[in-house]
Amino acid sequence: MSDTDTTKRSPLRDRVKEWARGPWLLPVATLIGFIENTFILAPMEPVFMPLMVLRPKRAWMVAAALLLGNVLGGLAMYGLGAVFAEEAIAPLMRMLDATDTYEQTLKTFDNDGFATLFMIGVTPFPFQVGVAAAGAAGYSLPLFILAVALSRSIRYFALAGLVMLVGERAEEVLKKHQLEILLVGGALFAGFVIYMIFF
């Protein structure tokens, strides 16, 4: 598919590419990271990968900015969970059809909150659910930040490394191996569900 076709189908990608060429590269990456951990459940790679591809030598800086935004978004959701668990988080979970998952996640923080947060960060589990549950459970804030930063950095810096290695072919490589990635992610998610239920 040509870049022109992609642009017609996704004006947002075109706008992101324009930002990547200007001075707003890192602030936009930080904003995307924040949004991804607060409002958007869908993967954001189609939006932030162009930032890395257009500036491959600075891909690691984009990854760091995404991580910063993601941690800040996590802190926002943690705060909502801590202060407004019933008023804001409960209705949000109902809207996302994630009430049962949220309540189950709350229970796991009593046993091993760090492992729970870390696994949520590296699996297809809705991350907003996990970070909000951490706040509602009163989980340690320093450990929360550490778990979020470690788990999310794996994803962002792995993608940055891929871009630095293969450049603009990075998205093509991801699409080519999409099935394998989904299988690995599904296996990790299944393992996490088993962990939540039985441990």
Protein backbone atom coordinates (compact mmCIF):
# COMPACT_ATOMS: atom_id res chain seq x y z
CA MET A 1 0.00 0.00 0.00
CA SER A 2 1.40 3.42 -0.88
CA ASP A 3 1.95 6.23 1.58
CA THR A 4 -0.68 8.21 -0.30
CA ASP A 5 -3.28 5.51 0.24
CA THR A 6 -2.40 5.33 3.92
CA THR A 7 -2.75 9.07 4.24
CA LYS A 8 -6.21 9.02 2.63
CA ARG A 9 -7.34 6.33 5.01
CA SER A 10 -5.72 7.85 8.10
CA PRO A 11 -5.53 11.65 8.29
CA LEU A 12 -4.30 11.33 11.87
CA ARG A 13 -1.16 9.51 10.70
CA ASP A 14 -0.53 12.27 8.18
CA ARG A 15 -0.88 14.92 10.88
CA VAL A 16 1.44 12.99 13.19
CA LYS A 17 4.04 12.83 10.43
CA GLU A 18 3.82 16.61 10.03
CA TRP A 19 4.40 17.04 13.75
CA ALA A 20 7.36 14.65 13.64
CA ARG A 21 9.08 16.89 11.10
CA GLY A 22 8.73 19.94 13.33
CA PRO A 23 9.81 20.90 16.85
CA TRP A 24 6.84 19.14 18.50
CA LEU A 25 8.14 15.59 18.09
CA LEU A 26 8.78 14.79 21.76
CA PRO A 27 5.81 16.72 23.25
CA VAL A 28 3.47 14.94 20.82
CA ALA A 29 5.00 11.57 21.71
CA THR A 30 4.49 12.35 25.40
CA LEU A 31 0.85 13.26 24.75
CA ILE A 32 0.29 10.03 22.81
CA GLY A 33 1.78 8.03 25.68
CA PHE A 34 -0.52 9.82 28.13
CA ILE A 35 -3.63 9.22 26.02
CA GLU A 36 -2.76 5.56 25.53
CA ASN A 37 -2.77 4.97 29.28
CA THR A 38 -5.96 6.89 30.02
CA PHE A 39 -8.64 6.98 27.30
CA ILE A 40 -7.68 4.67 24.44
CA LEU A 41 -7.94 0.87 24.65
CA ALA A 42 -6.74 0.18 21.11
CA PRO A 43 -2.98 -0.20 20.40
CA MET A 44 -1.44 3.13 19.41
CA GLU A 45 1.44 1.81 17.28
CA PRO A 46 -0.21 3.03 14.03
CA VAL A 47 -0.10 6.54 15.49
CA PHE A 48 3.31 6.71 17.16
CA MET A 49 5.36 4.48 14.84
CA PRO A 50 5.55 7.27 12.21
CA LEU A 51 7.24 9.44 14.83
CA MET A 52 10.00 6.86 15.18
CA VAL A 53 10.24 6.01 11.47
CA LEU A 54 10.68 9.61 10.34
CA ARG A 55 13.40 10.20 12.94
CA PRO A 56 15.04 6.74 13.25
CA LYS A 57 18.19 8.06 14.93
CA ARG A 58 15.98 9.64 17.61
CA ALA A 59 13.64 6.68 17.96
CA TRP A 60 14.94 6.00 21.46
CA MET A 61 14.07 9.58 22.45
CA VAL A 62 10.54 9.08 21.12
CA ALA A 63 10.34 5.87 23.16
CA ALA A 64 11.44 7.77 26.27
CA ALA A 65 8.83 10.48 25.65
CA LEU A 66 6.12 7.85 25.12
CA LEU A 67 7.19 6.19 28.37
CA LEU A 68 7.06 9.49 30.24
CA GLY A 69 3.54 10.19 28.95
CA ASN A 70 2.47 6.66 29.77
CA VAL A 71 3.72 6.92 33.35
CA LEU A 72 2.01 10.31 33.75
CA GLY A 73 -1.21 8.82 32.37
CA GLY A 74 -0.84 5.93 34.78
CA LEU A 75 -0.45 8.35 37.67
CA ALA A 76 -3.60 10.17 36.56
CA MET A 77 -5.57 6.91 36.54
CA TYR A 78 -3.96 5.88 39.84
CA GLY A 79 -5.13 9.18 41.36
CA LEU A 80 -8.65 8.68 40.03
CA GLY A 81 -8.68 5.18 41.46
CA ALA A 82 -7.40 6.37 44.83
CA VAL A 83 -9.73 9.36 45.22
CA PHE A 84 -12.74 8.66 43.03
CA ALA A 85 -12.97 4.86 42.87
CA GLU A 86 -16.75 4.83 43.20
CA GLU A 87 -17.57 8.15 41.55
CA ALA A 88 -15.36 7.92 38.45
CA ILE A 89 -13.64 4.56 38.07
CA ALA A 90 -16.65 2.30 38.64
CA PRO A 91 -18.74 4.04 35.90
CA LEU A 92 -15.69 4.03 33.58
CA MET A 93 -15.22 0.29 34.07
CA ARG A 94 -18.90 -0.28 33.34
CA MET A 95 -18.57 1.78 30.17
CA LEU A 96 -15.55 -0.31 29.12
CA ASP A 97 -17.37 -3.51 30.10
CA ALA A 98 -14.47 -4.32 32.43
CA THR A 99 -16.11 -4.36 35.86
CA ASP A 100 -15.41 -8.04 36.60
CA THR A 101 -11.82 -7.73 35.41
CA TYR A 102 -11.34 -4.61 37.52
CA GLU A 103 -12.67 -6.27 40.67
CA GLN A 104 -10.54 -9.37 40.11
CA THR A 105 -7.48 -7.18 39.59
CA LEU A 106 -8.20 -5.37 42.85
CA LYS A 107 -8.00 -8.69 44.69
CA THR A 108 -4.62 -9.59 43.19
CA PHE A 109 -2.97 -6.48 44.66
CA ASP A 110 -3.37 -7.99 48.13
CA ASN A 111 -1.04 -10.84 47.17
CA ASP A 112 1.52 -9.50 44.70
CA GLY A 113 0.81 -6.05 43.36
CA PHE A 114 4.17 -5.55 41.64
CA ALA A 115 3.94 -8.76 39.60
CA THR A 116 0.32 -7.94 38.76
CA LEU A 117 1.18 -4.48 37.46
CA PHE A 118 4.21 -5.72 35.54
CA MET A 119 2.24 -8.49 33.82
CA ILE A 120 -0.55 -6.05 32.97
CA GLY A 121 2.05 -3.82 31.33
CA VAL A 122 3.47 -6.52 29.05
CA THR A 123 0.26 -8.34 28.08
CA PRO A 124 -2.79 -7.25 26.03
CA PHE A 125 -4.64 -6.65 29.33
CA PRO A 126 -6.36 -3.20 29.41
CA PHE A 127 -3.70 -1.18 31.21
CA GLN A 128 -6.16 1.49 32.39
CA VAL A 129 -7.95 -1.16 34.43
CA GLY A 130 -4.76 -2.20 36.19
CA VAL A 131 -3.48 1.25 37.07
CA ALA A 132 -6.89 2.41 38.31
CA ALA A 133 -7.17 -0.73 40.43
CA ALA A 134 -3.73 -0.02 41.89
CA GLY A 135 -4.91 3.38 43.06
CA ALA A 136 -8.15 2.02 44.47
CA ALA A 137 -6.20 -0.67 46.34
CA GLY A 138 -3.83 1.91 47.80
CA TYR A 139 -0.80 0.18 46.29
CA SER A 140 2.63 1.70 47.03
CA LEU A 141 3.17 4.69 44.72
CA PRO A 142 6.97 4.24 44.28
CA LEU A 143 6.50 0.55 43.43
CA PHE A 144 3.63 1.50 41.12
CA ILE A 145 5.84 3.92 39.17
CA LEU A 146 8.65 1.35 38.98
CA ALA A 147 6.36 -1.44 37.73
CA VAL A 148 4.72 0.79 35.12
CA ALA A 149 8.04 2.20 33.89
CA LEU A 150 9.73 -1.19 33.63
CA SER A 151 6.87 -2.97 31.89
CA ARG A 152 6.03 -0.23 29.39
CA SER A 153 9.69 0.50 28.58
CA ILE A 154 10.03 -3.05 27.22
CA ARG A 155 7.44 -2.31 24.55
CA TYR A 156 8.51 1.20 23.59
CA PHE A 157 12.25 0.60 23.49
CA ALA A 158 11.85 -2.72 21.67
CA LEU A 159 9.94 -0.87 18.94
CA ALA A 160 12.55 1.91 18.92
CA GLY A 161 15.30 -0.69 18.54
CA LEU A 162 13.44 -2.26 15.63
CA VAL A 163 13.13 1.13 13.90
CA MET A 164 16.81 1.88 14.46
CA LEU A 165 17.71 -1.49 12.93
CA VAL A 166 15.43 -1.61 9.88
CA GLY A 167 14.19 1.97 9.53
CA GLU A 168 10.96 2.52 7.61
CA ARG A 169 10.51 -1.25 7.19
CA ALA A 170 9.67 -1.53 10.90
CA GLU A 171 5.91 -1.33 10.39
CA GLU A 172 6.15 -3.84 7.55
CA VAL A 173 8.07 -6.23 9.82
CA LEU A 174 5.44 -5.85 12.55
CA LYS A 175 2.62 -6.57 10.10
CA LYS A 176 4.49 -9.55 8.66
CA HIS A 177 4.88 -11.11 12.11
CA GLN A 178 1.52 -9.95 13.47
CA LEU A 179 0.26 -13.49 13.99
CA GLU A 180 3.32 -14.51 16.01
CA ILE A 181 3.06 -11.36 18.10
CA LEU A 182 -0.63 -12.01 18.75
CA LEU A 183 0.10 -15.60 19.74
CA VAL A 184 2.83 -14.59 22.18
CA GLY A 185 0.64 -11.81 23.59
CA GLY A 186 -2.29 -14.21 23.89
CA ALA A 187 -0.14 -16.77 25.69
CA LEU A 188 1.11 -14.12 28.12
CA PHE A 189 -2.43 -12.90 28.68
CA ALA A 190 -3.70 -16.45 29.31
CA GLY A 191 -0.88 -16.98 31.78
CA PHE A 192 -1.77 -13.76 33.55
CA VAL A 193 -5.45 -14.76 33.78
CA ILE A 194 -4.46 -18.12 35.26
CA TYR A 195 -2.20 -16.32 37.72
CA MET A 196 -5.02 -13.99 38.79
CA ILE A 197 -7.47 -16.85 39.28
CA PHE A 198 -5.32 -19.45 41.00
CA PHE A 199 -2.57 -17.56 42.81
